[in-house]
Amino acid sequence: MTPEKRKLITDSFNRSETLQFYKAELLEAETDFISIKIPKMEMMTRKAGMFNGAMIASLVDVSSGYAAVSHYAEDCYVVTVELKVNYLRPAMGDALVSKSYVIKGGGKIIVVRTEIYVQTEGSDSESHVATSLVTMMKIK
């Protein structure tokens, strides 16, 4: 990824009011790969303390979109065409981490696989809690 492309992605990420609200952190930005971390807040959880499925789906959508944008050399804008999430186990932990990989990039349509993990403070291990397949469309 060129420094210019990395700056475009980083600047977009930092401008997002939603990501600021979630206290999201851009962990990695490479061509065809994005990783984002979101710390747990009470509003993101169910009564039992696990992350709400809607929060996981939201992270999948955002992370997949940035991965799709990272695929193209030029500045672009993408929208979600289809998003499928399989929840594998309750997301019990202190933070959600996404890892989004471009599987197939085309001129207009791009397919991204996003894996969601939870991390617990004081531990280096991650627990795999969701997997997804997302189709995005480049519109600009």
Protein backbone atom coordinates (compact mmCIF):
# COMPACT_ATOMS: atom_id res chain seq x y z
CA MET A 1 0.00 0.00 0.00
CA THR A 2 1.33 3.41 -0.90
CA PRO A 3 1.78 6.02 1.83
CA GLU A 4 -0.86 8.15 0.09
CA LYS A 5 -3.44 5.34 0.14
CA ARG A 6 -2.67 4.57 3.80
CA LYS A 7 -3.18 8.27 4.62
CA LEU A 8 -6.55 8.31 2.79
CA ILE A 9 -7.75 5.30 4.79
CA THR A 10 -6.38 6.62 8.10
CA ASP A 11 -7.87 10.08 7.53
CA SER A 12 -11.27 8.59 6.64
CA PHE A 13 -11.15 6.34 9.69
CA ASN A 14 -10.27 9.27 11.98
CA ARG A 15 -13.09 11.44 10.52
CA SER A 16 -15.80 8.85 11.18
CA GLU A 17 -18.02 10.04 14.01
CA THR A 18 -19.33 6.50 14.49
CA LEU A 19 -15.83 5.05 14.89
CA GLN A 20 -14.91 7.88 17.27
CA PHE A 21 -18.06 7.15 19.29
CA TYR A 22 -17.07 3.48 19.49
CA LYS A 23 -13.47 4.43 20.42
CA ALA A 24 -12.31 2.28 17.51
CA GLU A 25 -8.62 1.85 16.77
CA LEU A 26 -7.19 1.05 13.34
CA LEU A 27 -4.70 -1.72 14.15
CA GLU A 28 -3.46 -2.55 10.65
CA ALA A 29 -4.01 -1.19 7.16
CA GLU A 30 -2.40 -3.05 4.27
CA THR A 31 -3.46 -3.77 0.72
CA ASP A 32 -6.32 -6.29 0.94
CA PHE A 33 -6.23 -6.40 4.78
CA ILE A 34 -7.67 -4.24 7.57
CA SER A 35 -7.83 -4.86 11.31
CA ILE A 36 -9.88 -2.77 13.76
CA LYS A 37 -10.26 -2.97 17.55
CA ILE A 38 -13.25 -1.73 19.55
CA PRO A 39 -13.19 -1.74 23.35
CA LYS A 40 -16.23 -2.97 25.25
CA MET A 41 -18.73 -0.38 26.46
CA GLU A 42 -21.92 -1.19 28.35
CA MET A 43 -24.15 -0.03 25.48
CA MET A 44 -22.55 -2.72 23.24
CA THR A 45 -23.45 -5.65 25.45
CA ARG A 46 -26.36 -7.87 26.36
CA LYS A 47 -27.37 -8.37 29.99
CA ALA A 48 -25.11 -11.42 30.32
CA GLY A 49 -22.09 -9.25 29.38
CA MET A 50 -21.41 -10.52 25.86
CA PHE A 51 -21.13 -8.19 22.88
CA ASN A 52 -24.45 -7.70 21.09
CA GLY A 53 -24.73 -9.28 17.63
CA ALA A 54 -25.57 -5.91 16.10
CA MET A 55 -22.23 -4.53 17.32
CA ILE A 56 -20.42 -7.45 15.73
CA ALA A 57 -22.30 -6.99 12.43
CA SER A 58 -21.51 -3.27 12.47
CA LEU A 59 -17.79 -3.98 12.93
CA VAL A 60 -17.92 -6.56 10.12
CA ASP A 61 -19.48 -3.99 7.77
CA VAL A 62 -17.01 -1.19 8.56
CA SER A 63 -13.93 -3.40 8.51
CA SER A 64 -14.98 -5.08 5.25
CA GLY A 65 -15.56 -1.69 3.65
CA TYR A 66 -12.08 -0.46 4.53
CA ALA A 67 -10.56 -3.74 3.30
CA ALA A 68 -12.39 -3.28 -0.02
CA VAL A 69 -11.14 0.31 -0.31
CA SER A 70 -7.58 -0.87 0.43
CA HIS A 71 -7.72 -3.14 -2.62
CA TYR A 72 -7.97 -0.31 -5.12
CA ALA A 73 -5.00 1.93 -5.92
CA GLU A 74 -7.16 5.03 -6.38
CA ASP A 75 -9.39 6.75 -3.85
CA CYS A 76 -12.85 5.18 -4.01
CA TYR A 77 -16.14 4.68 -2.20
CA VAL A 78 -17.79 1.32 -1.62
CA VAL A 79 -21.22 0.20 -0.42
CA THR A 80 -22.40 -3.12 0.99
CA VAL A 81 -24.29 -5.40 -1.38
CA GLU A 82 -24.57 -8.43 0.89
CA LEU A 83 -23.42 -9.22 4.42
CA LYS A 84 -23.60 -12.65 6.07
CA VAL A 85 -22.44 -13.23 9.62
CA ASN A 86 -22.13 -16.59 11.36
CA TYR A 87 -21.96 -16.17 15.13
CA LEU A 88 -19.77 -18.98 16.43
CA ARG A 89 -19.91 -18.47 20.21
CA PRO A 90 -20.86 -15.79 22.74
CA ALA A 91 -18.51 -12.81 22.43
CA MET A 92 -17.31 -12.58 26.03
CA GLY A 93 -14.27 -10.36 26.40
CA ASP A 94 -13.00 -6.81 26.76
CA ALA A 95 -12.62 -5.86 23.08
CA LEU A 96 -13.71 -6.90 19.60
CA VAL A 97 -11.04 -7.25 16.91
CA SER A 98 -11.81 -7.56 13.21
CA LYS A 99 -9.51 -9.04 10.59
CA SER A 100 -10.77 -8.41 7.06
CA TYR A 101 -9.23 -10.06 4.00
CA VAL A 102 -10.07 -9.37 0.36
CA ILE A 103 -10.84 -12.70 -1.28
CA LYS A 104 -11.66 -11.46 -4.79
CA GLY A 105 -11.44 -7.95 -6.14
CA GLY A 106 -12.96 -6.90 -9.42
CA GLY A 107 -13.59 -3.66 -11.26
CA LYS A 108 -16.85 -3.05 -9.39
CA ILE A 109 -17.57 -6.01 -7.09
CA ILE A 110 -15.29 -7.18 -4.30
CA VAL A 111 -15.68 -10.07 -1.85
CA VAL A 112 -14.26 -9.81 1.68
CA ARG A 113 -13.95 -12.37 4.47
CA THR A 114 -14.01 -10.85 7.95
CA GLU A 115 -13.21 -12.74 11.12
CA ILE A 116 -14.20 -11.33 14.51
CA TYR A 117 -12.33 -12.15 17.71
CA VAL A 118 -12.64 -11.08 21.33
CA GLN A 119 -9.66 -10.18 23.45
CA THR A 120 -9.48 -10.18 27.22
CA GLU A 121 -7.30 -7.70 29.10
CA GLY A 122 -4.12 -9.23 30.40
CA SER A 123 -4.20 -12.06 27.86
CA ASP A 124 -2.50 -12.38 24.47
CA SER A 125 -5.03 -14.96 23.27
CA GLU A 126 -8.00 -14.25 21.05
CA SER A 127 -11.26 -16.17 20.85
CA HIS A 128 -12.86 -16.51 17.40
CA VAL A 129 -16.51 -15.47 17.81
CA ALA A 130 -17.83 -14.75 14.30
CA THR A 131 -17.01 -15.27 10.66
CA SER A 132 -18.52 -13.45 7.71
CA LEU A 133 -18.60 -13.06 3.98
CA VAL A 134 -19.32 -9.61 2.59
CA THR A 135 -19.87 -8.42 -0.97
CA MET A 136 -19.11 -4.76 -1.63
CA MET A 137 -19.64 -2.59 -4.71
CA LYS A 138 -17.30 0.19 -5.79
CA ILE A 139 -19.47 3.18 -6.74
CA LYS A 140 -16.82 5.87 -7.10
